């Protein structure tokens, strides 16, 4: 591992005080975030920036600084955005001596999902492969830890398909943790009972379509809430169907779900096999599907890892710690 310190000088162009203020953030918070992540020291005088650290870390920080400086100046530069840009430049300063900018084929149409209110950009090669597989397969499995964008990207692709009239409706399904038995004790009608379990899907829809439009689409049954237990016997055609938290389905439930697919439909199944909430004596259907359906034409599996987590950096550390703990057991 290269521990020798070096200095990298960067000239941010075009010279622009507003861009520079946006880049630095209030009280230089954005620069401090970069310093902490890459373990470098950053000093700037106007648009002239001096970065001191290991060669790889200093170059990686310079790479991210320039991308952030040239990013859309109409969009606020939040800590989350800085984190996402750093995520696209793969470097672990503790055990790597090379910069590994992620090649996302920026001119590839699949690297950006356009919706009515938002443009969603994929952030790493696994996300790109996942989104691409939705165009090439009838059934796509996204399996991996929390924070990897599995559900969010599935919803984004569903909204894009609906708005471009590739499908006529979106169907959202999610098992109710204890396999549905406790739904009857929750207040309200069926929609009210299942809503708490579908909250992450709703949040993504609101972000991409707006609350009012989502409400109207639900009223017209163009967006449909479909509790897993109530899908038996149906044939779902010309729809984009998302089954979230599929690790909490039994083998029988997930088989029933997958055999509902009709012509013109696309299915995305997401889940994290390390967070199964079923009773200990009940097998996870998602775990079984990885073995049963592997290699079948029209069915794709994307396996996400801790390194693909795009939430707060602490989430990646938590996932990695649990992975290490599980391997020692």
C-alpha atoms as a PDB file:
ATOM      1  CA  UNK A   1       0.000   0.000   0.000  1.00  0.00           C
ATOM      2  CA  UNK A   2       1.319   3.428  -1.000  1.00  0.00           C
ATOM      3  CA  UNK A   3       1.646   5.584   2.129  1.00  0.00           C
ATOM      4  CA  UNK A   4       3.967   8.251   0.721  1.00  0.00           C
ATOM      5  CA  UNK A   5       2.334  11.672   0.719  1.00  0.00           C
ATOM      6  CA  UNK A   6       2.129  13.732  -2.427  1.00  0.00           C
ATOM      7  CA  UNK A   7       0.513  16.982  -3.502  1.00  0.00           C
ATOM      8  CA  UNK A   8      -1.933  17.394  -6.375  1.00  0.00           C
ATOM      9  CA  UNK A   9      -2.735  20.869  -7.693  1.00  0.00           C
ATOM     10  CA  UNK A  10      -6.059  21.469  -9.420  1.00  0.00           C
ATOM     11  CA  UNK A  11      -7.298  24.515 -11.316  1.00  0.00           C
ATOM     12  CA  UNK A  12     -11.093  24.597 -11.359  1.00  0.00           C
ATOM     13  CA  UNK A  13     -12.364  25.987 -14.659  1.00  0.00           C
ATOM     14  CA  UNK A  14     -14.207  28.028 -15.732  1.00  0.00           C
ATOM     15  CA  UNK A  15     -13.466  30.454 -12.914  1.00  0.00           C
ATOM     16  CA  UNK A  16     -16.790  31.156 -11.236  1.00  0.00           C
ATOM     17  CA  UNK A  17     -17.301  32.377  -7.660  1.00  0.00           C
ATOM     18  CA  UNK A  18     -20.836  30.996  -7.421  1.00  0.00           C
ATOM     19  CA  UNK A  19     -19.711  27.528  -8.484  1.00  0.00           C
ATOM     20  CA  UNK A  20     -16.836  27.725  -6.039  1.00  0.00           C
ATOM     21  CA  UNK A  21     -19.101  28.712  -3.128  1.00  0.00           C
ATOM     22  CA  UNK A  22     -21.469  25.865  -4.019  1.00  0.00           C
ATOM     23  CA  UNK A  23     -18.557  23.417  -4.197  1.00  0.00           C
ATOM     24  CA  UNK A  24     -17.153  24.354  -0.801  1.00  0.00           C
ATOM     25  CA  UNK A  25     -20.541  24.458   0.936  1.00  0.00           C
ATOM     26  CA  UNK A  26     -21.389  26.308   4.175  1.00  0.00           C
ATOM     27  CA  UNK A  27     -18.265  26.525   6.359  1.00  0.00           C
ATOM     28  CA  UNK A  28     -16.442  24.322   3.802  1.00  0.00           C
ATOM     29  CA  UNK A  29     -18.581  21.318   4.793  1.00  0.00           C
ATOM     30  CA  UNK A  30     -18.274  19.666   1.369  1.00  0.00           C
ATOM     31  CA  UNK A  31     -14.497  19.959   1.374  1.00  0.00           C
ATOM     32  CA  UNK A  32     -14.367  18.542   4.910  1.00  0.00           C
ATOM     33  CA  UNK A  33     -16.471  15.579   3.758  1.00  0.00           C
ATOM     34  CA  UNK A  34     -13.975  14.874   0.974  1.00  0.00           C
ATOM     35  CA  UNK A  35     -11.042  15.253   3.376  1.00  0.00           C
ATOM     36  CA  UNK A  36     -12.539  12.759   5.812  1.00  0.00           C
ATOM     37  CA  UNK A  37     -13.412  10.191   3.142  1.00  0.00           C
ATOM     38  CA  UNK A  38     -10.099  10.266   1.282  1.00  0.00           C
ATOM     39  CA  UNK A  39      -7.921  11.180   4.277  1.00  0.00           C
ATOM     40  CA  UNK A  40      -6.418  14.169   2.507  1.00  0.00           C
ATOM     41  CA  UNK A  41      -5.888  17.848   3.308  1.00  0.00           C
ATOM     42  CA  UNK A  42      -7.557  20.327   0.920  1.00  0.00           C
ATOM     43  CA  UNK A  43      -6.612  24.002   0.705  1.00  0.00           C
ATOM     44  CA  UNK A  44      -7.913  26.435  -1.858  1.00  0.00           C
ATOM     45  CA  UNK A  45      -7.262  30.009  -2.902  1.00  0.00           C
ATOM     46  CA  UNK A  46     -10.051  30.916  -5.267  1.00  0.00           C
ATOM     47  CA  UNK A  47     -10.214  28.310  -8.013  1.00  0.00           C
ATOM     48  CA  UNK A  48      -6.696  27.014  -7.269  1.00  0.00           C
ATOM     49  CA  UNK A  49      -6.909  23.887  -5.072  1.00  0.00           C
ATOM     50  CA  UNK A  50      -4.093  22.060  -3.336  1.00  0.00           C
ATOM     51  CA  UNK A  51      -4.700  18.458  -2.211  1.00  0.00           C
ATOM     52  CA  UNK A  52      -2.221  16.583  -0.008  1.00  0.00           C
ATOM     53  CA  UNK A  53      -2.413  12.848   0.697  1.00  0.00           C
ATOM     54  CA  UNK A  54      -1.378   9.508  -0.765  1.00  0.00           C
ATOM     55  CA  UNK A  55      -1.112   9.730  -4.549  1.00  0.00           C
ATOM     56  CA  UNK A  56      -4.209   7.649  -5.210  1.00  0.00           C
ATOM     57  CA  UNK A  57      -6.341   9.430  -2.591  1.00  0.00           C
ATOM     58  CA  UNK A  58      -5.259  12.910  -3.711  1.00  0.00           C
ATOM     59  CA  UNK A  59      -5.984  12.088  -7.358  1.00  0.00           C
ATOM     60  CA  UNK A  60      -9.358  10.583  -6.466  1.00  0.00           C
ATOM     61  CA  UNK A  61     -10.310  13.664  -4.437  1.00  0.00           C
ATOM     62  CA  UNK A  62      -9.216  15.894  -7.340  1.00  0.00           C
ATOM     63  CA  UNK A  63     -11.334  13.814  -9.734  1.00  0.00           C
ATOM     64  CA  UNK A  64     -14.434  14.206  -7.528  1.00  0.00           C
ATOM     65  CA  UNK A  65     -13.806  17.918  -6.914  1.00  0.00           C
ATOM     66  CA  UNK A  66     -13.747  18.631 -10.638  1.00  0.00           C
ATOM     67  CA  UNK A  67     -16.923  16.606 -11.258  1.00  0.00           C
ATOM     68  CA  UNK A  68     -18.734  18.373  -8.430  1.00  0.00           C
ATOM     69  CA  UNK A  69     -17.554  21.786  -9.632  1.00  0.00           C
ATOM     70  CA  UNK A  70     -18.963  21.131 -13.121  1.00  0.00           C
ATOM     71  CA  UNK A  71     -22.189  19.459 -11.944  1.00  0.00           C
ATOM     72  CA  UNK A  72     -25.585  21.104 -12.439  1.00  0.00           C
ATOM     73  CA  UNK A  73     -25.291  24.436 -10.644  1.00  0.00           C
ATOM     74  CA  UNK A  74     -29.078  24.710 -10.307  1.00  0.00           C
ATOM     75  CA  UNK A  75     -29.132  21.688  -7.998  1.00  0.00           C
ATOM     76  CA  UNK A  76     -28.048  22.242  -4.367  1.00  0.00           C
ATOM     77  CA  UNK A  77     -24.851  20.393  -3.512  1.00  0.00           C
ATOM     78  CA  UNK A  78     -25.880  18.361  -0.474  1.00  0.00           C
ATOM     79  CA  UNK A  79     -23.820  15.962   1.630  1.00  0.00           C
ATOM     80  CA  UNK A  80     -25.747  13.135  -0.018  1.00  0.00           C
ATOM     81  CA  UNK A  81     -24.740  14.284  -3.501  1.00  0.00           C
ATOM     82  CA  UNK A  82     -21.098  14.594  -2.483  1.00  0.00           C
ATOM     83  CA  UNK A  83     -21.291  11.037  -1.124  1.00  0.00           C
ATOM     84  CA  UNK A  84     -22.785   9.754  -4.387  1.00  0.00           C
ATOM     85  CA  UNK A  85     -20.075  11.388  -6.484  1.00  0.00           C
ATOM     86  CA  UNK A  86     -17.422   9.875  -4.225  1.00  0.00           C
ATOM     87  CA  UNK A  87     -19.156   6.508  -4.565  1.00  0.00           C
ATOM     88  CA  UNK A  88     -18.592   6.718  -8.330  1.00  0.00           C
ATOM     89  CA  UNK A  89     -14.837   6.958  -7.766  1.00  0.00           C
ATOM     90  CA  UNK A  90     -14.005   3.639  -6.168  1.00  0.00           C
ATOM     91  CA  UNK A  91     -11.126   3.982  -3.755  1.00  0.00           C
ATOM     92  CA  UNK A  92     -10.503   2.659  -0.284  1.00  0.00           C
ATOM     93  CA  UNK A  93      -7.626   4.815   0.969  1.00  0.00           C
ATOM     94  CA  UNK A  94      -6.760   2.205   3.606  1.00  0.00           C
ATOM     95  CA  UNK A  95      -5.969  -0.643   1.245  1.00  0.00           C
ATOM     96  CA  UNK A  96      -5.811   0.647  -2.315  1.00  0.00           C
ATOM     97  CA  UNK A  97      -3.190   2.553  -4.220  1.00  0.00           C
ATOM     98  CA  UNK A  98      -5.192   3.041  -7.379  1.00  0.00           C
ATOM     99  CA  UNK A  99      -8.062   5.249  -8.438  1.00  0.00           C
ATOM    100  CA  UNK A 100     -10.909   3.242  -9.916  1.00  0.00           C
ATOM    101  CA  UNK A 101     -13.373   5.641 -11.542  1.00  0.00           C
ATOM    102  CA  UNK A 102     -16.543   3.700 -12.272  1.00  0.00           C
ATOM    103  CA  UNK A 103     -17.225   3.440 -15.983  1.00  0.00           C
ATOM    104  CA  UNK A 104     -20.967   3.845 -16.239  1.00  0.00           C
ATOM    105  CA  UNK A 105     -20.988   4.445 -19.979  1.00  0.00           C
ATOM    106  CA  UNK A 106     -22.451   7.910 -19.522  1.00  0.00           C
ATOM    107  CA  UNK A 107     -23.824   7.947 -23.059  1.00  0.00           C
ATOM    108  CA  UNK A 108     -25.636   4.656 -22.463  1.00  0.00           C
ATOM    109  CA  UNK A 109     -29.382   5.334 -22.294  1.00  0.00           C
ATOM    110  CA  UNK A 110     -29.762   2.824 -19.454  1.00  0.00           C
ATOM    111  CA  UNK A 111     -27.535   4.903 -17.162  1.00  0.00           C
ATOM    112  CA  UNK A 112     -30.284   7.521 -16.742  1.00  0.00           C
ATOM    113  CA  UNK A 113     -33.974   6.928 -16.004  1.00  0.00           C
ATOM    114  CA  UNK A 114     -36.261   9.825 -16.919  1.00  0.00           C
ATOM    115  CA  UNK A 115     -39.506  10.385 -15.006  1.00  0.00           C
ATOM    116  CA  UNK A 116     -41.976  13.272 -14.979  1.00  0.00           C
ATOM    117  CA  UNK A 117     -40.397  15.077 -12.026  1.00  0.00           C
ATOM    118  CA  UNK A 118     -36.922  13.642 -11.748  1.00  0.00           C
ATOM    119  CA  UNK A 119     -33.971  12.226 -13.636  1.00  0.00           C
ATOM    120  CA  UNK A 120     -32.474   9.218 -11.842  1.00  0.00           C
ATOM    121  CA  UNK A 121     -28.858   8.352 -12.570  1.00  0.00           C
ATOM    122  CA  UNK A 122     -27.399   4.927 -11.810  1.00  0.00           C
ATOM    123  CA  UNK A 123     -24.414   5.122  -9.486  1.00  0.00           C
ATOM    124  CA  UNK A 124     -22.351   1.962 -10.007  1.00  0.00           C
ATOM    125  CA  UNK A 125     -21.877  -0.930 -12.466  1.00  0.00           C
ATOM    126  CA  UNK A 126     -24.223  -3.268 -10.563  1.00  0.00           C
ATOM    127  CA  UNK A 127     -27.018  -0.696 -10.689  1.00  0.00           C
ATOM    128  CA  UNK A 128     -26.398  -0.246 -14.425  1.00  0.00           C
ATOM    129  CA  UNK A 129     -26.522  -4.011 -15.031  1.00  0.00           C
ATOM    130  CA  UNK A 130     -29.718  -4.201 -12.943  1.00  0.00           C
ATOM    131  CA  UNK A 131     -31.488  -1.465 -14.919  1.00  0.00           C
ATOM    132  CA  UNK A 132     -30.322  -2.888 -18.253  1.00  0.00           C
ATOM    133  CA  UNK A 133     -31.591  -6.337 -17.303  1.00  0.00           C
ATOM    134  CA  UNK A 134     -35.098  -4.887 -16.895  1.00  0.00           C
ATOM    135  CA  UNK A 135     -35.114  -4.128 -20.627  1.00  0.00           C
ATOM    136  CA  UNK A 136     -33.810  -7.545 -21.625  1.00  0.00           C
ATOM    137  CA  UNK A 137     -35.719  -9.917 -19.335  1.00  0.00           C
ATOM    138  CA  UNK A 138     -39.288 -10.675 -18.257  1.00  0.00           C
ATOM    139  CA  UNK A 139     -38.333 -11.297 -14.624  1.00  0.00           C
ATOM    140  CA  UNK A 140     -35.497  -9.521 -12.817  1.00  0.00           C
ATOM    141  CA  UNK A 141     -34.280 -10.323  -9.315  1.00  0.00           C
ATOM    142  CA  UNK A 142     -32.383  -7.651  -7.377  1.00  0.00           C
ATOM    143  CA  UNK A 143     -30.851  -9.269  -4.304  1.00  0.00           C
ATOM    144  CA  UNK A 144     -28.632  -7.524  -1.788  1.00  0.00           C
ATOM    145  CA  UNK A 145     -28.343  -5.382   1.333  1.00  0.00           C
ATOM    146  CA  UNK A 146     -30.332  -2.284   2.229  1.00  0.00           C
ATOM    147  CA  UNK A 147     -29.305   0.966   0.590  1.00  0.00           C
ATOM    148  CA  UNK A 148     -28.217  -0.439  -2.782  1.00  0.00           C
ATOM    149  CA  UNK A 149     -31.110   1.150  -4.699  1.00  0.00           C
ATOM    150  CA  UNK A 150     -32.903  -2.101  -5.600  1.00  0.00           C
ATOM    151  CA  UNK A 151     -36.434  -0.904  -4.877  1.00  0.00           C
ATOM    152  CA  UNK A 152     -35.899   2.742  -5.832  1.00  0.00           C
ATOM    153  CA  UNK A 153     -34.576   1.878  -9.300  1.00  0.00           C
ATOM    154  CA  UNK A 154     -37.357  -0.663  -9.843  1.00  0.00           C
ATOM    155  CA  UNK A 155     -39.980   2.001  -9.071  1.00  0.00           C
ATOM    156  CA  UNK A 156     -38.180   4.507 -11.322  1.00  0.00           C
ATOM    157  CA  UNK A 157     -38.138   2.027 -14.204  1.00  0.00           C
ATOM    158  CA  UNK A 158     -41.833   1.226 -13.599  1.00  0.00           C
ATOM    159  CA  UNK A 159     -42.766   4.925 -13.721  1.00  0.00           C
ATOM    160  CA  UNK A 160     -40.720   5.390 -16.906  1.00  0.00           C
ATOM    161  CA  UNK A 161     -42.457   2.381 -18.508  1.00  0.00           C
ATOM    162  CA  UNK A 162     -45.900   3.728 -17.536  1.00  0.00           C
ATOM    163  CA  UNK A 163     -45.204   7.241 -18.826  1.00  0.00           C
ATOM    164  CA  UNK A 164     -43.836   5.926 -22.133  1.00  0.00           C
ATOM    165  CA  UNK A 165     -46.895   3.631 -22.447  1.00  0.00           C
ATOM    166  CA  UNK A 166     -44.829   0.443 -22.433  1.00  0.00           C
ATOM    167  CA  UNK A 167     -47.232  -0.815 -19.761  1.00  0.00           C
ATOM    168  CA  UNK A 168     -50.763   0.217 -18.814  1.00  0.00           C
ATOM    169  CA  UNK A 169     -50.402  -0.053 -15.031  1.00  0.00           C
ATOM    170  CA  UNK A 170     -48.041  -0.524 -12.113  1.00  0.00           C
ATOM    171  CA  UNK A 171     -48.695  -3.205  -9.510  1.00  0.00           C
ATOM    172  CA  UNK A 172     -46.952  -3.028  -6.138  1.00  0.00           C
ATOM    173  CA  UNK A 173     -46.772  -6.076  -3.900  1.00  0.00           C
ATOM    174  CA  UNK A 174     -45.022  -6.737  -0.626  1.00  0.00           C
ATOM    175  CA  UNK A 175     -45.481  -9.475   1.951  1.00  0.00           C
ATOM    176  CA  UNK A 176     -46.694  -8.234   5.314  1.00  0.00           C
ATOM    177  CA  UNK A 177     -43.692  -9.509   7.289  1.00  0.00           C
ATOM    178  CA  UNK A 178     -45.529 -12.194   9.285  1.00  0.00           C
ATOM    179  CA  UNK A 179     -46.812 -13.677   5.997  1.00  0.00           C
ATOM    180  CA  UNK A 180     -50.050 -11.679   6.221  1.00  0.00           C
ATOM    181  CA  UNK A 181     -51.708 -13.170   9.328  1.00  0.00           C
ATOM    182  CA  UNK A 182     -51.801  -9.879  11.281  1.00  0.00           C
ATOM    183  CA  UNK A 183     -53.425  -7.728   8.594  1.00  0.00           C
ATOM    184  CA  UNK A 184     -56.851  -8.185  10.139  1.00  0.00           C
ATOM    185  CA  UNK A 185     -55.797  -6.439  13.353  1.00  0.00           C
ATOM    186  CA  UNK A 186     -54.796  -3.231  11.596  1.00  0.00           C
ATOM    187  CA  UNK A 187     -57.440  -0.482  11.241  1.00  0.00           C
ATOM    188  CA  UNK A 188     -59.108   0.473   7.950  1.00  0.00           C
ATOM    189  CA  UNK A 189     -59.861  -1.283   4.685  1.00  0.00           C
ATOM    190  CA  UNK A 190     -57.484  -3.594   2.828  1.00  0.00           C
ATOM    191  CA  UNK A 191     -55.564  -0.691   1.267  1.00  0.00           C
ATOM    192  CA  UNK A 192     -55.115   0.949   4.680  1.00  0.00           C
ATOM    193  CA  UNK A 193     -53.888  -2.326   6.180  1.00  0.00           C
ATOM    194  CA  UNK A 194     -51.215  -2.955   3.571  1.00  0.00           C
ATOM    195  CA  UNK A 195     -50.088   0.694   3.198  1.00  0.00           C
ATOM    196  CA  UNK A 196     -47.599   0.634   6.113  1.00  0.00           C
ATOM    197  CA  UNK A 197     -45.747  -2.229   4.444  1.00  0.00           C
ATOM    198  CA  UNK A 198     -45.661  -0.416   1.080  1.00  0.00           C
ATOM    199  CA  UNK A 199     -44.433   2.911   2.436  1.00  0.00           C
ATOM    200  CA  UNK A 200     -40.992   2.777   0.744  1.00  0.00           C
ATOM    201  CA  UNK A 201     -42.666   2.181  -2.615  1.00  0.00           C
ATOM    202  CA  UNK A 202     -45.066   5.078  -2.074  1.00  0.00           C
ATOM    203  CA  UNK A 203     -42.235   7.416  -1.056  1.00  0.00           C
ATOM    204  CA  UNK A 204     -40.412   6.670  -4.309  1.00  0.00           C
ATOM    205  CA  UNK A 205     -43.601   7.166  -6.357  1.00  0.00           C
ATOM    206  CA  UNK A 206     -44.324  10.510  -4.676  1.00  0.00           C
ATOM    207  CA  UNK A 207     -40.807  11.683  -5.439  1.00  0.00           C
ATOM    208  CA  UNK A 208     -41.093  10.793  -9.136  1.00  0.00           C
ATOM    209  CA  UNK A 209     -44.732  11.618  -9.877  1.00  0.00           C
ATOM    210  CA  UNK A 210     -45.943  13.896  -7.081  1.00  0.00           C
ATOM    211  CA  UNK A 211     -48.494  13.085  -4.376  1.00  0.00           C
ATOM    212  CA  UNK A 212     -51.530  14.372  -6.268  1.00  0.00           C
ATOM    213  CA  UNK A 213     -50.794  12.436  -9.453  1.00  0.00           C
ATOM    214  CA  UNK A 214     -50.046   9.240  -7.530  1.00  0.00           C
ATOM    215  CA  UNK A 215     -53.383   9.571  -5.695  1.00  0.00           C
ATOM    216  CA  UNK A 216     -55.256   9.991  -8.991  1.00  0.00           C
ATOM    217  CA  UNK A 217     -53.495   7.004 -10.563  1.00  0.00           C
ATOM    218  CA  UNK A 218     -54.378   4.873  -7.538  1.00  0.00           C
ATOM    219  CA  UNK A 219     -58.028   5.986  -7.778  1.00  0.00           C
ATOM    220  CA  UNK A 220     -58.082   4.892 -11.430  1.00  0.00           C
ATOM    221  CA  UNK A 221     -56.380   1.592 -10.549  1.00  0.00           C
ATOM    222  CA  UNK A 222     -53.482   2.460 -12.859  1.00  0.00           C
ATOM    223  CA  UNK A 223     -51.268   2.091  -9.806  1.00  0.00           C
ATOM    224  CA  UNK A 224     -52.566  -0.870  -7.845  1.00  0.00           C
ATOM    225  CA  UNK A 225     -51.829  -2.108  -4.350  1.00  0.00           C
ATOM    226  CA  UNK A 226     -51.774  -5.876  -4.532  1.00  0.00           C
ATOM    227  CA  UNK A 227     -51.221  -7.679  -1.218  1.00  0.00           C
ATOM    228  CA  UNK A 228     -49.381 -10.878  -1.991  1.00  0.00           C
ATOM    229  CA  UNK A 229     -51.974 -13.055  -0.277  1.00  0.00           C
ATOM    230  CA  UNK A 230     -54.713 -11.727  -2.609  1.00  0.00           C
ATOM    231  CA  UNK A 231     -52.959 -12.340  -5.949  1.00  0.00           C
ATOM    232  CA  UNK A 232     -53.796 -16.007  -6.299  1.00  0.00           C
ATOM    233  CA  UNK A 233     -55.851 -16.815  -9.401  1.00  0.00           C
ATOM    234  CA  UNK A 234     -55.087 -13.561 -11.242  1.00  0.00           C
ATOM    235  CA  UNK A 235     -53.296 -13.088 -14.563  1.00  0.00           C
ATOM    236  CA  UNK A 236     -51.401  -9.792 -14.704  1.00  0.00           C
ATOM    237  CA  UNK A 237     -50.922  -8.546 -18.274  1.00  0.00           C
ATOM    238  CA  UNK A 238     -49.380  -5.313 -19.656  1.00  0.00           C
ATOM    239  CA  UNK A 239     -48.182  -4.332 -16.204  1.00  0.00           C
ATOM    240  CA  UNK A 240     -44.946  -3.479 -14.444  1.00  0.00           C
ATOM    241  CA  UNK A 241     -45.058  -5.562 -11.270  1.00  0.00           C
ATOM    242  CA  UNK A 242     -42.762  -5.067  -8.290  1.00  0.00           C
ATOM    243  CA  UNK A 243     -42.505  -7.549  -5.434  1.00  0.00           C
ATOM    244  CA  UNK A 244     -40.507  -5.901  -2.654  1.00  0.00           C
ATOM    245  CA  UNK A 245     -39.049  -7.564   0.471  1.00  0.00           C
ATOM    246  CA  UNK A 246     -39.332 -10.938  -1.269  1.00  0.00           C
ATOM    247  CA  UNK A 247     -37.073 -12.590   1.318  1.00  0.00           C
ATOM    248  CA  UNK A 248     -40.206 -12.721   3.485  1.00  0.00           C
ATOM    249  CA  UNK A 249     -42.153 -14.884   1.040  1.00  0.00           C
ATOM    250  CA  UNK A 250     -42.412 -18.632   1.440  1.00  0.00           C
ATOM    251  CA  UNK A 251     -41.444 -20.843  -1.537  1.00  0.00           C
ATOM    252  CA  UNK A 252     -45.136 -21.424  -2.216  1.00  0.00           C
ATOM    253  CA  UNK A 253     -45.965 -17.714  -2.157  1.00  0.00           C
ATOM    254  CA  UNK A 254     -43.201 -16.655  -4.532  1.00  0.00           C
ATOM    255  CA  UNK A 255     -44.054 -19.481  -6.948  1.00  0.00           C
ATOM    256  CA  UNK A 256     -47.689 -18.335  -6.900  1.00  0.00           C
ATOM    257  CA  UNK A 257     -46.600 -14.743  -7.536  1.00  0.00           C
ATOM    258  CA  UNK A 258     -44.272 -15.543 -10.437  1.00  0.00           C
ATOM    259  CA  UNK A 259     -46.903 -17.652 -12.181  1.00  0.00           C
ATOM    260  CA  UNK A 260     -49.343 -14.696 -12.283  1.00  0.00           C
ATOM    261  CA  UNK A 261     -47.404 -13.051 -15.127  1.00  0.00           C
ATOM    262  CA  UNK A 262     -49.295 -12.413 -18.367  1.00  0.00           C
ATOM    263  CA  UNK A 263     -48.240 -11.098 -21.783  1.00  0.00           C
ATOM    264  CA  UNK A 264     -46.622  -7.653 -21.948  1.00  0.00           C
ATOM    265  CA  UNK A 265     -45.676  -7.635 -18.275  1.00  0.00           C
ATOM    266  CA  UNK A 266     -42.328  -7.020 -16.589  1.00  0.00           C
ATOM    267  CA  UNK A 267     -41.572  -8.220 -13.074  1.00  0.00           C
ATOM    268  CA  UNK A 268     -38.922  -7.032 -10.646  1.00  0.00           C
ATOM    269  CA  UNK A 269     -38.408  -8.953  -7.401  1.00  0.00           C
ATOM    270  CA  UNK A 270     -36.259  -7.344  -4.709  1.00  0.00           C
ATOM    271  CA  UNK A 271     -35.050  -8.542  -1.342  1.00  0.00           C
ATOM    272  CA  UNK A 272     -32.227  -9.029   1.124  1.00  0.00           C
ATOM    273  CA  UNK A 273     -31.678 -12.674   2.069  1.00  0.00           C
ATOM    274  CA  UNK A 274     -29.748 -11.608   5.180  1.00  0.00           C
ATOM    275  CA  UNK A 275     -32.871  -9.984   6.685  1.00  0.00           C
ATOM    276  CA  UNK A 276     -35.504 -12.730   6.664  1.00  0.00           C
ATOM    277  CA  UNK A 277     -38.351 -12.131   9.142  1.00  0.00           C
ATOM    278  CA  UNK A 278     -40.106 -15.461   8.621  1.00  0.00           C
ATOM    279  CA  UNK A 279     -40.258 -17.992  11.466  1.00  0.00           C
ATOM    280  CA  UNK A 280     -37.016 -19.945  11.785  1.00  0.00           C
ATOM    281  CA  UNK A 281     -38.636 -23.160  10.571  1.00  0.00           C
ATOM    282  CA  UNK A 282     -39.932 -21.545   7.331  1.00  0.00           C
ATOM    283  CA  UNK A 283     -37.692 -21.329   4.249  1.00  0.00           C
ATOM    284  CA  UNK A 284     -37.341 -18.044   2.352  1.00  0.00           C
ATOM    285  CA  UNK A 285     -38.775 -18.287  -1.151  1.00  0.00           C
ATOM    286  CA  UNK A 286     -36.229 -15.778  -2.438  1.00  0.00           C
ATOM    287  CA  UNK A 287     -33.312 -17.922  -1.284  1.00  0.00           C
ATOM    288  CA  UNK A 288     -34.804 -20.924  -3.074  1.00  0.00           C
ATOM    289  CA  UNK A 289     -35.413 -18.990  -6.322  1.00  0.00           C
ATOM    290  CA  UNK A 290     -31.698 -18.221  -6.643  1.00  0.00           C
ATOM    291  CA  UNK A 291     -31.136 -21.958  -7.074  1.00  0.00           C
ATOM    292  CA  UNK A 292     -34.316 -23.044  -8.871  1.00  0.00           C
ATOM    293  CA  UNK A 293     -34.459 -20.330 -11.560  1.00  0.00           C
ATOM    294  CA  UNK A 294     -30.761 -19.668 -12.198  1.00  0.00           C
ATOM    295  CA  UNK A 295     -29.866 -19.934 -15.892  1.00  0.00           C
ATOM    296  CA  UNK A 296     -33.409 -19.714 -17.294  1.00  0.00           C
ATOM    297  CA  UNK A 297     -33.780 -17.491 -20.384  1.00  0.00           C
ATOM    298  CA  UNK A 298     -35.754 -14.329 -19.640  1.00  0.00           C
ATOM    299  CA  UNK A 299     -34.888 -14.386 -15.928  1.00  0.00           C
ATOM    300  CA  UNK A 300     -32.012 -12.285 -14.591  1.00  0.00           C
ATOM    301  CA  UNK A 301     -30.335 -12.086 -11.180  1.00  0.00           C
ATOM    302  CA  UNK A 302     -28.373  -9.042 -10.009  1.00  0.00           C
ATOM    303  CA  UNK A 303     -26.498  -9.609  -6.754  1.00  0.00           C
ATOM    304  CA  UNK A 304     -25.658  -6.400  -4.892  1.00  0.00           C
ATOM    305  CA  UNK A 305     -22.840  -6.189  -2.344  1.00  0.00           C
ATOM    306  CA  UNK A 306     -21.930  -3.924   0.552  1.00  0.00           C
ATOM    307  CA  UNK A 307     -19.740  -1.896  -1.812  1.00  0.00           C
ATOM    308  CA  UNK A 308     -22.874  -1.002  -3.824  1.00  0.00           C
ATOM    309  CA  UNK A 309     -24.585   0.767  -0.900  1.00  0.00           C
ATOM    310  CA  UNK A 310     -25.340   4.361  -1.902  1.00  0.00           C
ATOM    311  CA  UNK A 311     -26.972   5.579   1.320  1.00  0.00           C
ATOM    312  CA  UNK A 312     -25.106   7.249   4.169  1.00  0.00           C
ATOM    313  CA  UNK A 313     -21.571   5.771   4.322  1.00  0.00           C
ATOM    314  CA  UNK A 314     -22.264   4.349   7.787  1.00  0.00           C
ATOM    315  CA  UNK A 315     -24.813   1.970   6.180  1.00  0.00           C
ATOM    316  CA  UNK A 316     -22.063   0.417   4.052  1.00  0.00           C
ATOM    317  CA  UNK A 317     -19.911  -0.046   7.167  1.00  0.00           C
ATOM    318  CA  UNK A 318     -22.805  -1.707   9.031  1.00  0.00           C
ATOM    319  CA  UNK A 319     -23.496  -4.110   6.146  1.00  0.00           C
ATOM    320  CA  UNK A 320     -19.795  -4.967   5.840  1.00  0.00           C
ATOM    321  CA  UNK A 321     -19.507  -5.564   9.594  1.00  0.00           C
ATOM    322  CA  UNK A 322     -22.467  -7.949   9.540  1.00  0.00           C
ATOM    323  CA  UNK A 323     -21.039  -9.808   6.526  1.00  0.00           C
ATOM    324  CA  UNK A 324     -17.762 -10.339   8.416  1.00  0.00           C
ATOM    325  CA  UNK A 325     -19.655 -11.415  11.534  1.00  0.00           C
ATOM    326  CA  UNK A 326     -21.748 -13.932   9.574  1.00  0.00           C
ATOM    327  CA  UNK A 327     -18.683 -15.504   7.957  1.00  0.00           C
ATOM    328  CA  UNK A 328     -17.152 -16.085  11.412  1.00  0.00           C
ATOM    329  CA  UNK A 329     -20.232 -17.863  12.786  1.00  0.00           C
END
